[in-house]
């Protein structure tokens, strides 16, 4: 085994876990889950059936990644953030058909802050930054900084995580971005 699983965690059958991944206390990885290399799962993380997670993802304590959610490479999920997978849940009329789960895609390098909620059926763009406690109810553009309930865009973030200035330049790493309709793109060096 070329990954680490704490003795208190459960790994179901038919799970793939990549090299160097660490799964800490009280986690449950459910059947059909596919996890990439060098990922880290904090205490009390649940990865649902058939969830796909890329390489270098970091999932903090108390996060459930339900069926229908996909995380690309380098995604960060802050402590106790929430994914949903059904828009109209009912205990009396449970969803029993996995085709009815809302699909949620979190693209490469996106970060989701502590206690944020991502409503299913939405896509979080590459390197987007979702603030702590935000409730995302619609698609998020690449590099967007989103805060509030419901989440609204307040600016743009660099790939390194720094909030960009009005000229779309990063004061920390020096990368420059250009406007592209309702999004931004990294300028070629």
N, C-alpha and C. Protein backbone atom coordinates (compact mmCIF):
# COMPACT_ATOMS: atom_id res chain seq x y z
N UNK A 1 0.86 -1.18 0.00
CA UNK A 1 0.00 0.00 0.00
C UNK A 1 0.90 1.23 0.00
N UNK A 2 0.72 2.12 -0.98
CA UNK A 2 1.57 3.30 -1.09
C UNK A 2 0.82 4.59 -0.72
N UNK A 3 -0.17 4.45 0.18
CA UNK A 3 -0.90 5.58 0.75
C UNK A 3 -1.15 5.26 2.22
N UNK A 4 -1.56 6.26 3.00
CA UNK A 4 -1.77 6.08 4.44
C UNK A 4 -3.25 6.18 4.78
N UNK A 5 -3.74 5.23 5.58
CA UNK A 5 -5.11 5.26 6.11
C UNK A 5 -5.03 5.02 7.62
N UNK A 6 -5.54 5.95 8.40
CA UNK A 6 -5.55 5.78 9.85
C UNK A 6 -6.43 4.60 10.21
N UNK A 7 -6.07 3.90 11.27
CA UNK A 7 -6.78 2.67 11.67
C UNK A 7 -8.25 2.90 12.02
N UNK A 8 -8.64 4.14 12.33
CA UNK A 8 -10.04 4.43 12.67
C UNK A 8 -10.92 4.68 11.45
N UNK A 9 -10.33 4.71 10.26
CA UNK A 9 -11.08 5.01 9.04
C UNK A 9 -11.52 3.74 8.33
N UNK A 10 -12.54 3.87 7.49
CA UNK A 10 -13.11 2.75 6.73
C UNK A 10 -12.95 3.02 5.24
N UNK A 11 -12.44 2.01 4.54
CA UNK A 11 -12.32 2.07 3.08
C UNK A 11 -13.15 0.92 2.52
N UNK A 12 -14.18 1.22 1.77
CA UNK A 12 -15.03 0.19 1.17
C UNK A 12 -14.30 -0.52 0.04
N UNK A 13 -14.90 -1.58 -0.47
CA UNK A 13 -14.37 -2.28 -1.64
C UNK A 13 -14.53 -1.40 -2.88
N UNK A 14 -13.77 -1.73 -3.91
CA UNK A 14 -13.82 -1.03 -5.21
C UNK A 14 -13.53 0.46 -5.06
N UNK A 15 -12.45 0.77 -4.35
CA UNK A 15 -11.98 2.15 -4.19
C UNK A 15 -10.57 2.23 -4.74
N UNK A 16 -10.24 3.33 -5.43
CA UNK A 16 -8.88 3.57 -5.89
C UNK A 16 -8.32 4.78 -5.13
N UNK A 17 -7.15 4.61 -4.55
CA UNK A 17 -6.49 5.68 -3.79
C UNK A 17 -5.08 5.82 -4.32
N UNK A 18 -4.71 7.03 -4.72
CA UNK A 18 -3.41 7.29 -5.32
C UNK A 18 -2.26 7.32 -4.35
N UNK A 19 -1.09 7.17 -4.90
CA UNK A 19 0.17 7.15 -4.16
C UNK A 19 0.34 8.43 -3.33
N UNK A 20 0.76 8.24 -2.08
CA UNK A 20 1.08 9.37 -1.22
C UNK A 20 -0.11 10.04 -0.56
N UNK A 21 -1.32 9.57 -0.84
CA UNK A 21 -2.51 10.16 -0.23
C UNK A 21 -2.58 9.77 1.25
N UNK A 22 -3.09 10.70 2.09
CA UNK A 22 -3.21 10.46 3.53
C UNK A 22 -4.68 10.65 3.93
N UNK A 23 -5.20 9.61 4.59
CA UNK A 23 -6.58 9.62 5.07
C UNK A 23 -6.52 9.49 6.59
N UNK A 24 -6.91 10.55 7.29
CA UNK A 24 -6.73 10.61 8.73
C UNK A 24 -7.92 10.05 9.50
N UNK A 25 -8.08 10.40 10.75
CA UNK A 25 -9.02 9.79 11.69
C UNK A 25 -10.49 9.85 11.23
N UNK A 26 -11.20 8.75 11.46
CA UNK A 26 -12.65 8.66 11.36
C UNK A 26 -13.21 9.01 9.98
N UNK A 27 -12.48 8.70 8.93
CA UNK A 27 -12.96 8.94 7.56
C UNK A 27 -13.65 7.71 7.01
N UNK A 28 -14.48 7.92 6.00
CA UNK A 28 -15.12 6.82 5.29
C UNK A 28 -15.03 7.11 3.80
N UNK A 29 -14.41 6.20 3.07
CA UNK A 29 -14.31 6.30 1.61
C UNK A 29 -15.21 5.21 1.05
N UNK A 30 -16.26 5.62 0.33
CA UNK A 30 -17.29 4.68 -0.10
C UNK A 30 -16.98 4.07 -1.47
N UNK A 31 -17.68 3.00 -1.74
CA UNK A 31 -17.47 2.19 -2.94
C UNK A 31 -17.50 3.02 -4.22
N UNK A 32 -16.57 2.72 -5.10
CA UNK A 32 -16.52 3.39 -6.40
C UNK A 32 -15.77 4.71 -6.39
N UNK A 33 -15.34 5.19 -5.22
CA UNK A 33 -14.60 6.45 -5.16
C UNK A 33 -13.24 6.29 -5.83
N UNK A 34 -12.82 7.35 -6.51
CA UNK A 34 -11.52 7.40 -7.19
C UNK A 34 -10.79 8.63 -6.69
N UNK A 35 -9.68 8.40 -5.98
CA UNK A 35 -8.92 9.48 -5.36
C UNK A 35 -7.51 9.49 -5.94
N UNK A 36 -7.05 10.68 -6.33
CA UNK A 36 -5.74 10.82 -6.95
C UNK A 36 -4.59 10.73 -5.97
N UNK A 37 -3.42 11.11 -6.47
CA UNK A 37 -2.18 11.06 -5.69
C UNK A 37 -2.01 12.30 -4.81
N UNK A 38 -1.28 12.09 -3.70
CA UNK A 38 -0.84 13.17 -2.81
C UNK A 38 -2.00 14.02 -2.27
N UNK A 39 -3.15 13.40 -2.05
CA UNK A 39 -4.28 14.09 -1.43
C UNK A 39 -4.20 13.97 0.08
N UNK A 40 -4.92 14.85 0.77
CA UNK A 40 -4.98 14.80 2.23
C UNK A 40 -6.42 14.98 2.67
N UNK A 41 -6.88 14.06 3.54
CA UNK A 41 -8.24 14.09 4.06
C UNK A 41 -8.15 14.19 5.58
N UNK A 42 -8.65 15.29 6.14
CA UNK A 42 -8.61 15.50 7.57
C UNK A 42 -9.61 14.62 8.29
N UNK A 43 -9.72 14.83 9.59
CA UNK A 43 -10.60 14.03 10.44
C UNK A 43 -12.06 14.13 10.00
N UNK A 44 -12.75 12.99 10.03
CA UNK A 44 -14.20 12.93 9.82
C UNK A 44 -14.63 13.36 8.42
N UNK A 45 -13.92 12.94 7.40
CA UNK A 45 -14.29 13.21 6.01
C UNK A 45 -15.00 11.99 5.44
N UNK A 46 -16.08 12.24 4.73
CA UNK A 46 -16.80 11.18 4.03
C UNK A 46 -16.71 11.45 2.54
N UNK A 47 -16.24 10.45 1.78
CA UNK A 47 -16.21 10.54 0.32
C UNK A 47 -17.25 9.54 -0.18
N UNK A 48 -18.30 10.06 -0.83
CA UNK A 48 -19.43 9.24 -1.24
C UNK A 48 -19.12 8.29 -2.38
N UNK A 49 -20.09 7.43 -2.64
CA UNK A 49 -19.99 6.47 -3.74
C UNK A 49 -19.69 7.19 -5.06
N UNK A 50 -18.76 6.62 -5.82
CA UNK A 50 -18.46 7.05 -7.18
C UNK A 50 -17.93 8.48 -7.32
N UNK A 51 -17.50 9.09 -6.23
CA UNK A 51 -16.92 10.43 -6.30
C UNK A 51 -15.54 10.34 -6.92
N UNK A 52 -15.22 11.33 -7.76
CA UNK A 52 -13.90 11.40 -8.38
C UNK A 52 -13.16 12.63 -7.84
N UNK A 53 -11.94 12.40 -7.34
CA UNK A 53 -11.11 13.46 -6.79
C UNK A 53 -9.74 13.38 -7.46
N UNK A 54 -9.27 14.52 -7.97
CA UNK A 54 -7.99 14.57 -8.68
C UNK A 54 -6.81 14.49 -7.72
N UNK A 55 -5.66 14.86 -8.23
CA UNK A 55 -4.40 14.84 -7.48
C UNK A 55 -4.25 16.10 -6.62
N UNK A 56 -3.53 15.97 -5.51
CA UNK A 56 -3.15 17.08 -4.63
C UNK A 56 -4.34 17.82 -4.02
N UNK A 57 -5.49 17.19 -3.92
CA UNK A 57 -6.63 17.82 -3.25
C UNK A 57 -6.40 17.80 -1.75
N UNK A 58 -6.89 18.84 -1.07
CA UNK A 58 -6.78 18.91 0.39
C UNK A 58 -8.18 19.16 0.94
N UNK A 59 -8.66 18.18 1.71
CA UNK A 59 -10.00 18.26 2.28
C UNK A 59 -9.84 18.32 3.80
N UNK A 60 -10.26 19.42 4.39
CA UNK A 60 -10.11 19.62 5.83
C UNK A 60 -11.18 18.85 6.61
N UNK A 61 -11.15 18.95 7.92
CA UNK A 61 -12.03 18.18 8.80
C UNK A 61 -13.51 18.43 8.53
N UNK A 62 -14.32 17.37 8.74
CA UNK A 62 -15.78 17.44 8.75
C UNK A 62 -16.40 17.83 7.41
N UNK A 63 -15.88 17.29 6.33
CA UNK A 63 -16.44 17.55 4.99
C UNK A 63 -16.99 16.25 4.43
N UNK A 64 -18.20 16.33 3.86
CA UNK A 64 -18.79 15.20 3.14
C UNK A 64 -18.85 15.55 1.66
N UNK A 65 -18.24 14.71 0.84
CA UNK A 65 -18.24 14.92 -0.61
C UNK A 65 -19.19 13.87 -1.18
N UNK A 66 -20.40 14.30 -1.48
CA UNK A 66 -21.46 13.38 -1.87
C UNK A 66 -21.37 12.95 -3.32
N UNK A 67 -22.01 11.82 -3.61
CA UNK A 67 -22.10 11.34 -4.99
C UNK A 67 -22.65 12.46 -5.87
N UNK A 68 -22.05 12.63 -7.04
CA UNK A 68 -22.41 13.72 -7.94
C UNK A 68 -21.41 14.85 -7.93
N UNK A 69 -20.49 14.85 -6.95
CA UNK A 69 -19.47 15.90 -6.84
C UNK A 69 -18.17 15.39 -7.43
N UNK A 70 -17.48 16.24 -8.18
CA UNK A 70 -16.15 15.93 -8.70
C UNK A 70 -15.20 17.07 -8.36
N UNK A 71 -14.03 16.72 -7.83
CA UNK A 71 -12.98 17.69 -7.53
C UNK A 71 -11.81 17.44 -8.47
N UNK A 72 -11.37 18.47 -9.19
CA UNK A 72 -10.18 18.34 -10.04
C UNK A 72 -8.92 18.49 -9.18
N UNK A 73 -7.77 18.57 -9.83
CA UNK A 73 -6.48 18.67 -9.14
C UNK A 73 -6.37 19.96 -8.32
N UNK A 74 -5.65 19.87 -7.20
CA UNK A 74 -5.28 21.01 -6.36
C UNK A 74 -6.48 21.76 -5.77
N UNK A 75 -7.58 21.10 -5.56
CA UNK A 75 -8.75 21.73 -4.93
C UNK A 75 -8.57 21.71 -3.42
N UNK A 76 -8.96 22.81 -2.77
CA UNK A 76 -8.93 22.93 -1.31
C UNK A 76 -10.36 23.07 -0.80
N UNK A 77 -10.74 22.20 0.15
CA UNK A 77 -12.04 22.27 0.81
C UNK A 77 -11.82 22.56 2.28
N UNK A 78 -12.24 23.75 2.73
CA UNK A 78 -12.02 24.16 4.11
C UNK A 78 -12.87 23.41 5.11
N UNK A 79 -12.54 23.55 6.39
CA UNK A 79 -13.23 22.81 7.44
C UNK A 79 -14.74 23.02 7.42
N UNK A 80 -15.47 21.94 7.52
CA UNK A 80 -16.92 21.93 7.65
C UNK A 80 -17.67 22.59 6.49
N UNK A 81 -17.02 22.73 5.33
CA UNK A 81 -17.78 23.23 4.18
C UNK A 81 -18.73 22.12 3.72
N UNK A 82 -19.77 22.50 2.95
CA UNK A 82 -20.84 21.57 2.62
C UNK A 82 -21.09 21.52 1.12
N UNK A 83 -21.17 20.29 0.59
CA UNK A 83 -21.69 20.06 -0.75
C UNK A 83 -23.09 19.49 -0.61
N UNK A 84 -24.00 19.88 -1.51
CA UNK A 84 -25.30 19.21 -1.57
C UNK A 84 -25.33 18.38 -2.85
N UNK A 85 -26.29 17.45 -2.94
CA UNK A 85 -26.44 16.72 -4.20
C UNK A 85 -27.89 16.54 -4.62
N UNK A 86 -28.82 17.11 -3.87
CA UNK A 86 -30.24 17.07 -4.23
C UNK A 86 -30.81 18.47 -3.97
N UNK A 87 -31.53 19.04 -4.95
CA UNK A 87 -32.07 20.39 -4.80
C UNK A 87 -33.30 20.44 -3.89
N UNK A 88 -34.11 19.40 -3.90
CA UNK A 88 -35.33 19.39 -3.10
C UNK A 88 -35.41 18.11 -2.27
N UNK A 89 -34.58 18.00 -1.24
CA UNK A 89 -34.58 16.76 -0.45
C UNK A 89 -35.84 16.62 0.40
N UNK A 90 -36.31 15.40 0.51
CA UNK A 90 -37.46 15.08 1.35
C UNK A 90 -37.20 13.75 2.03
N UNK A 91 -37.37 13.68 3.34
CA UNK A 91 -37.24 12.41 4.04
C UNK A 91 -38.37 11.46 3.66
N UNK A 92 -39.55 11.99 3.42
CA UNK A 92 -40.72 11.17 3.08
C UNK A 92 -40.62 10.61 1.67
N UNK A 93 -39.95 11.32 0.77
CA UNK A 93 -39.80 10.91 -0.62
C UNK A 93 -38.34 10.93 -1.01
N UNK A 94 -37.55 10.00 -0.50
CA UNK A 94 -36.10 10.05 -0.73
C UNK A 94 -35.74 9.84 -2.20
N UNK A 95 -34.64 10.45 -2.60
CA UNK A 95 -34.09 10.25 -3.94
C UNK A 95 -33.38 8.90 -3.93
N UNK A 96 -33.83 7.98 -4.76
CA UNK A 96 -33.23 6.65 -4.79
C UNK A 96 -32.50 6.38 -6.09
N UNK A 97 -32.61 7.29 -7.02
CA UNK A 97 -31.98 7.09 -8.33
C UNK A 97 -30.81 8.06 -8.45
N UNK A 98 -29.59 7.51 -8.53
CA UNK A 98 -28.42 8.39 -8.54
C UNK A 98 -28.37 9.31 -9.75
N UNK A 99 -29.13 9.00 -10.82
CA UNK A 99 -29.16 9.90 -11.98
C UNK A 99 -29.83 11.23 -11.63
N UNK A 100 -30.57 11.27 -10.52
CA UNK A 100 -31.25 12.50 -10.11
C UNK A 100 -30.36 13.41 -9.26
N UNK A 101 -29.18 12.93 -8.87
CA UNK A 101 -28.28 13.78 -8.10
C UNK A 101 -27.80 14.93 -8.97
N UNK A 102 -27.77 16.13 -8.40
CA UNK A 102 -27.21 17.27 -9.10
C UNK A 102 -25.70 17.13 -9.22
N UNK A 103 -25.16 17.42 -10.37
CA UNK A 103 -23.72 17.32 -10.60
C UNK A 103 -23.04 18.64 -10.21
N UNK A 104 -21.95 18.51 -9.49
CA UNK A 104 -21.16 19.67 -9.07
C UNK A 104 -19.72 19.42 -9.47
N UNK A 105 -19.12 20.38 -10.15
CA UNK A 105 -17.72 20.27 -10.57
C UNK A 105 -16.94 21.41 -9.93
N UNK A 106 -15.86 21.05 -9.24
CA UNK A 106 -14.94 22.05 -8.70
C UNK A 106 -13.65 21.92 -9.50
N UNK A 107 -13.36 22.95 -10.28
CA UNK A 107 -12.24 22.88 -11.22
C UNK A 107 -10.90 23.13 -10.54
N UNK A 108 -9.86 22.85 -11.29
CA UNK A 108 -8.47 22.89 -10.82
C UNK A 108 -8.15 24.14 -10.01
N UNK A 109 -7.54 23.92 -8.84
CA UNK A 109 -6.99 25.01 -8.05
C UNK A 109 -7.99 25.83 -7.28
N UNK A 110 -9.28 25.52 -7.36
CA UNK A 110 -10.28 26.30 -6.63
C UNK A 110 -10.15 26.04 -5.13
N UNK A 111 -10.49 27.06 -4.34
CA UNK A 111 -10.47 26.95 -2.87
C UNK A 111 -11.83 27.33 -2.33
N UNK A 112 -12.32 26.51 -1.39
CA UNK A 112 -13.62 26.75 -0.77
C UNK A 112 -13.38 26.92 0.73
N UNK A 113 -13.80 28.06 1.27
CA UNK A 113 -13.53 28.39 2.66
C UNK A 113 -14.38 27.62 3.65
N UNK A 114 -14.00 27.71 4.91
CA UNK A 114 -14.69 27.03 6.01
C UNK A 114 -16.17 27.40 6.04
N UNK A 115 -17.00 26.38 6.26
CA UNK A 115 -18.45 26.55 6.43
C UNK A 115 -19.18 27.09 5.21
N UNK A 116 -18.54 27.14 4.05
CA UNK A 116 -19.24 27.53 2.82
C UNK A 116 -20.15 26.38 2.40
N UNK A 117 -21.20 26.70 1.63
CA UNK A 117 -22.11 25.70 1.09
C UNK A 117 -22.13 25.84 -0.43
N UNK A 118 -21.96 24.70 -1.12
CA UNK A 118 -22.03 24.68 -2.57
C UNK A 118 -23.30 23.93 -2.95
N UNK A 119 -24.28 24.66 -3.47
CA UNK A 119 -25.54 24.04 -3.90
C UNK A 119 -25.27 23.26 -5.18
N UNK A 120 -25.81 22.04 -5.25
CA UNK A 120 -25.51 21.15 -6.37
C UNK A 120 -25.98 21.72 -7.71
N UNK A 121 -25.37 21.22 -8.76
CA UNK A 121 -25.69 21.64 -10.11
C UNK A 121 -24.85 22.80 -10.61
N UNK A 122 -23.88 23.21 -9.83
CA UNK A 122 -23.05 24.35 -10.19
C UNK A 122 -21.60 23.95 -10.41
N UNK A 123 -20.88 24.78 -11.15
CA UNK A 123 -19.46 24.59 -11.41
C UNK A 123 -18.68 25.73 -10.78
N UNK A 124 -17.64 25.37 -10.04
CA UNK A 124 -16.72 26.35 -9.46
C UNK A 124 -15.53 26.42 -10.39
N UNK A 125 -15.24 27.60 -10.94
CA UNK A 125 -14.19 27.76 -11.94
C UNK A 125 -12.79 27.57 -11.40
N UNK A 126 -11.86 27.43 -12.33
CA UNK A 126 -10.45 27.25 -12.01
C UNK A 126 -9.94 28.39 -11.13
N UNK A 127 -9.25 28.04 -10.07
CA UNK A 127 -8.59 28.99 -9.16
C UNK A 127 -9.55 30.00 -8.53
N UNK A 128 -10.85 29.70 -8.55
CA UNK A 128 -11.81 30.56 -7.87
C UNK A 128 -11.59 30.46 -6.36
N UNK A 129 -12.03 31.47 -5.65
CA UNK A 129 -11.87 31.54 -4.20
C UNK A 129 -13.25 31.81 -3.59
N UNK A 130 -13.76 30.82 -2.86
CA UNK A 130 -15.07 30.94 -2.22
C UNK A 130 -14.83 31.27 -0.75
N UNK A 131 -15.33 32.41 -0.30
CA UNK A 131 -15.09 32.86 1.07
C UNK A 131 -15.79 32.00 2.10
N UNK A 132 -15.28 32.02 3.31
CA UNK A 132 -15.87 31.28 4.42
C UNK A 132 -17.33 31.69 4.61
N UNK A 133 -18.19 30.69 4.77
CA UNK A 133 -19.60 30.94 5.02
C UNK A 133 -20.44 31.31 3.81
N UNK A 134 -19.84 31.44 2.64
CA UNK A 134 -20.59 31.79 1.43
C UNK A 134 -21.52 30.64 1.03
N UNK A 135 -22.62 31.00 0.36
CA UNK A 135 -23.54 29.99 -0.18
C UNK A 135 -23.59 30.19 -1.69
N UNK A 136 -22.97 29.24 -2.41
CA UNK A 136 -22.88 29.33 -3.87
C UNK A 136 -24.13 28.72 -4.48
N UNK A 137 -24.87 29.55 -5.25
CA UNK A 137 -26.13 29.11 -5.86
C UNK A 137 -26.10 29.16 -7.38
N UNK A 138 -24.95 29.53 -7.94
CA UNK A 138 -24.82 29.59 -9.41
C UNK A 138 -23.37 29.32 -9.79
N UNK A 139 -23.13 29.10 -11.08
CA UNK A 139 -21.78 28.85 -11.55
C UNK A 139 -20.86 30.01 -11.18
N UNK A 140 -19.60 29.68 -10.92
CA UNK A 140 -18.59 30.66 -10.52
C UNK A 140 -17.52 30.71 -11.61
N UNK A 141 -17.20 31.90 -12.15
CA UNK A 141 -16.16 32.00 -13.18
C UNK A 141 -14.77 31.65 -12.65
N UNK A 142 -13.87 31.30 -13.57
CA UNK A 142 -12.48 31.11 -13.21
C UNK A 142 -11.95 32.35 -12.50
N UNK A 143 -11.15 32.17 -11.45
CA UNK A 143 -10.46 33.21 -10.70
C UNK A 143 -11.37 34.14 -9.88
N UNK A 144 -12.68 33.92 -9.89
CA UNK A 144 -13.61 34.80 -9.17
C UNK A 144 -13.45 34.65 -7.67
N UNK A 145 -13.63 35.75 -6.94
CA UNK A 145 -13.68 35.75 -5.48
C UNK A 145 -15.15 35.96 -5.11
N UNK A 146 -15.71 34.99 -4.37
CA UNK A 146 -17.14 34.99 -4.05
C UNK A 146 -17.33 35.01 -2.53
N UNK A 147 -18.24 35.88 -2.05
CA UNK A 147 -18.55 35.95 -0.62
C UNK A 147 -20.05 36.17 -0.44
N UNK A 148 -20.56 35.88 0.74
CA UNK A 148 -21.92 36.24 1.11
C UNK A 148 -22.96 35.16 0.89
N UNK A 149 -24.20 35.54 1.25
CA UNK A 149 -25.35 34.64 1.14
C UNK A 149 -26.48 35.40 0.45
N UNK A 150 -26.84 35.04 -0.79
CA UNK A 150 -26.11 34.12 -1.65
C UNK A 150 -24.78 34.74 -2.08
N UNK A 151 -23.87 33.88 -2.52
CA UNK A 151 -22.53 34.36 -2.88
C UNK A 151 -22.60 35.33 -4.05
N UNK A 152 -21.81 36.40 -3.94
CA UNK A 152 -21.68 37.38 -5.02
C UNK A 152 -20.19 37.64 -5.24
N UNK A 153 -19.86 38.01 -6.45
CA UNK A 153 -18.45 38.23 -6.78
C UNK A 153 -18.01 39.60 -6.31
N UNK A 154 -16.84 39.63 -5.64
CA UNK A 154 -16.30 40.92 -5.16
C UNK A 154 -14.94 41.23 -5.78
N UNK A 155 -14.43 40.34 -6.62
CA UNK A 155 -13.13 40.59 -7.23
C UNK A 155 -12.59 39.35 -7.90
N UNK A 156 -11.28 39.39 -8.14
CA UNK A 156 -10.58 38.30 -8.83
C UNK A 156 -9.38 37.86 -8.00
N UNK A 157 -9.05 36.59 -8.07
CA UNK A 157 -7.90 36.04 -7.35
C UNK A 157 -6.86 35.51 -8.34
N UNK A 158 -5.61 35.66 -8.00
CA UNK A 158 -4.51 35.08 -8.76
C UNK A 158 -4.47 33.57 -8.50
N UNK A 159 -3.79 32.85 -9.36
CA UNK A 159 -3.57 31.42 -9.13
C UNK A 159 -2.93 31.17 -7.77
N UNK A 160 -2.09 32.09 -7.31
CA UNK A 160 -1.41 31.91 -6.02
C UNK A 160 -2.32 32.21 -4.84
N UNK A 161 -3.51 32.78 -5.08
CA UNK A 161 -4.47 33.06 -4.03
C UNK A 161 -4.59 34.51 -3.62
N UNK A 162 -3.69 35.35 -4.06
CA UNK A 162 -3.73 36.77 -3.73
C UNK A 162 -4.85 37.46 -4.50
N UNK A 163 -5.56 38.39 -3.84
CA UNK A 163 -6.60 39.16 -4.50
C UNK A 163 -5.91 40.13 -5.47
N UNK A 164 -6.40 40.17 -6.70
CA UNK A 164 -5.78 41.01 -7.74
C UNK A 164 -6.19 42.47 -7.57
N UNK A 165 -5.29 43.38 -7.97
CA UNK A 165 -5.60 44.81 -7.93
C UNK A 165 -6.46 45.19 -9.15
N UNK A 166 -6.78 46.47 -9.28
CA UNK A 166 -7.65 46.93 -10.38
C UNK A 166 -7.04 46.72 -11.75
N UNK A 167 -5.72 46.64 -11.83
CA UNK A 167 -5.04 46.39 -13.11
C UNK A 167 -4.92 44.89 -13.39
N UNK A 168 -5.53 44.06 -12.53
CA UNK A 168 -5.50 42.60 -12.64
C UNK A 168 -4.08 42.05 -12.58
N UNK A 169 -3.29 42.67 -11.69
CA UNK A 169 -1.92 42.21 -11.48
C UNK A 169 -1.77 41.76 -10.05
N UNK A 170 -1.02 40.66 -9.86
CA UNK A 170 -0.79 40.12 -8.53
C UNK A 170 0.40 40.82 -7.88
N UNK A 171 0.18 41.38 -6.70
CA UNK A 171 1.26 42.08 -5.99
C UNK A 171 2.28 41.12 -5.40
N UNK A 172 1.91 39.83 -5.26
CA UNK A 172 2.82 38.86 -4.66
C UNK A 172 3.68 38.13 -5.67
N UNK A 173 3.07 37.55 -6.70
CA UNK A 173 3.86 36.75 -7.65
C UNK A 173 4.08 37.46 -8.98
N UNK A 174 3.39 38.58 -9.21
CA UNK A 174 3.62 39.38 -10.42
C UNK A 174 2.84 38.94 -11.65
N UNK A 175 2.04 37.89 -11.57
CA UNK A 175 1.28 37.45 -12.74
C UNK A 175 0.28 38.53 -13.13
N UNK A 176 0.04 38.62 -14.46
CA UNK A 176 -0.89 39.61 -15.00
C UNK A 176 -2.01 38.89 -15.72
N UNK A 177 -3.21 39.45 -15.59
CA UNK A 177 -4.40 38.87 -16.18
C UNK A 177 -5.06 39.89 -17.09
N UNK A 178 -5.86 39.41 -18.03
CA UNK A 178 -6.61 40.28 -18.92
C UNK A 178 -8.08 39.94 -18.88
N UNK A 179 -8.92 40.96 -19.11
CA UNK A 179 -10.38 40.75 -19.11
C UNK A 179 -10.78 39.93 -20.33
N UNK A 180 -11.78 39.08 -20.13
CA UNK A 180 -12.28 38.21 -21.19
C UNK A 180 -13.78 38.05 -20.98
N UNK A 181 -14.59 38.98 -21.52
CA UNK A 181 -16.04 39.01 -21.30
C UNK A 181 -16.32 39.10 -19.81
N UNK A 182 -16.94 38.07 -19.22
CA UNK A 182 -17.29 38.10 -17.79
C UNK A 182 -16.28 37.32 -16.97
N UNK A 183 -15.09 37.12 -17.49
CA UNK A 183 -14.05 36.37 -16.80
C UNK A 183 -12.71 37.05 -17.02
N UNK A 184 -11.65 36.43 -16.52
CA UNK A 184 -10.30 36.90 -16.81
C UNK A 184 -9.45 35.72 -17.23
N UNK A 185 -8.35 36.01 -17.90
CA UNK A 185 -7.42 34.98 -18.32
C UNK A 185 -6.00 35.43 -17.99
N UNK A 186 -5.14 34.46 -17.73
CA UNK A 186 -3.74 34.73 -17.45
C UNK A 186 -3.07 35.17 -18.75
N UNK A 187 -2.34 36.31 -18.70
CA UNK A 187 -1.63 36.77 -19.88
C UNK A 187 -0.35 35.97 -20.05
N UNK A 188 0.03 35.72 -21.28
CA UNK A 188 1.28 35.02 -21.57
C UNK A 188 2.45 35.91 -21.15
N UNK A 189 3.46 35.28 -20.59
CA UNK A 189 4.66 36.01 -20.13
C UNK A 189 5.46 36.48 -21.31
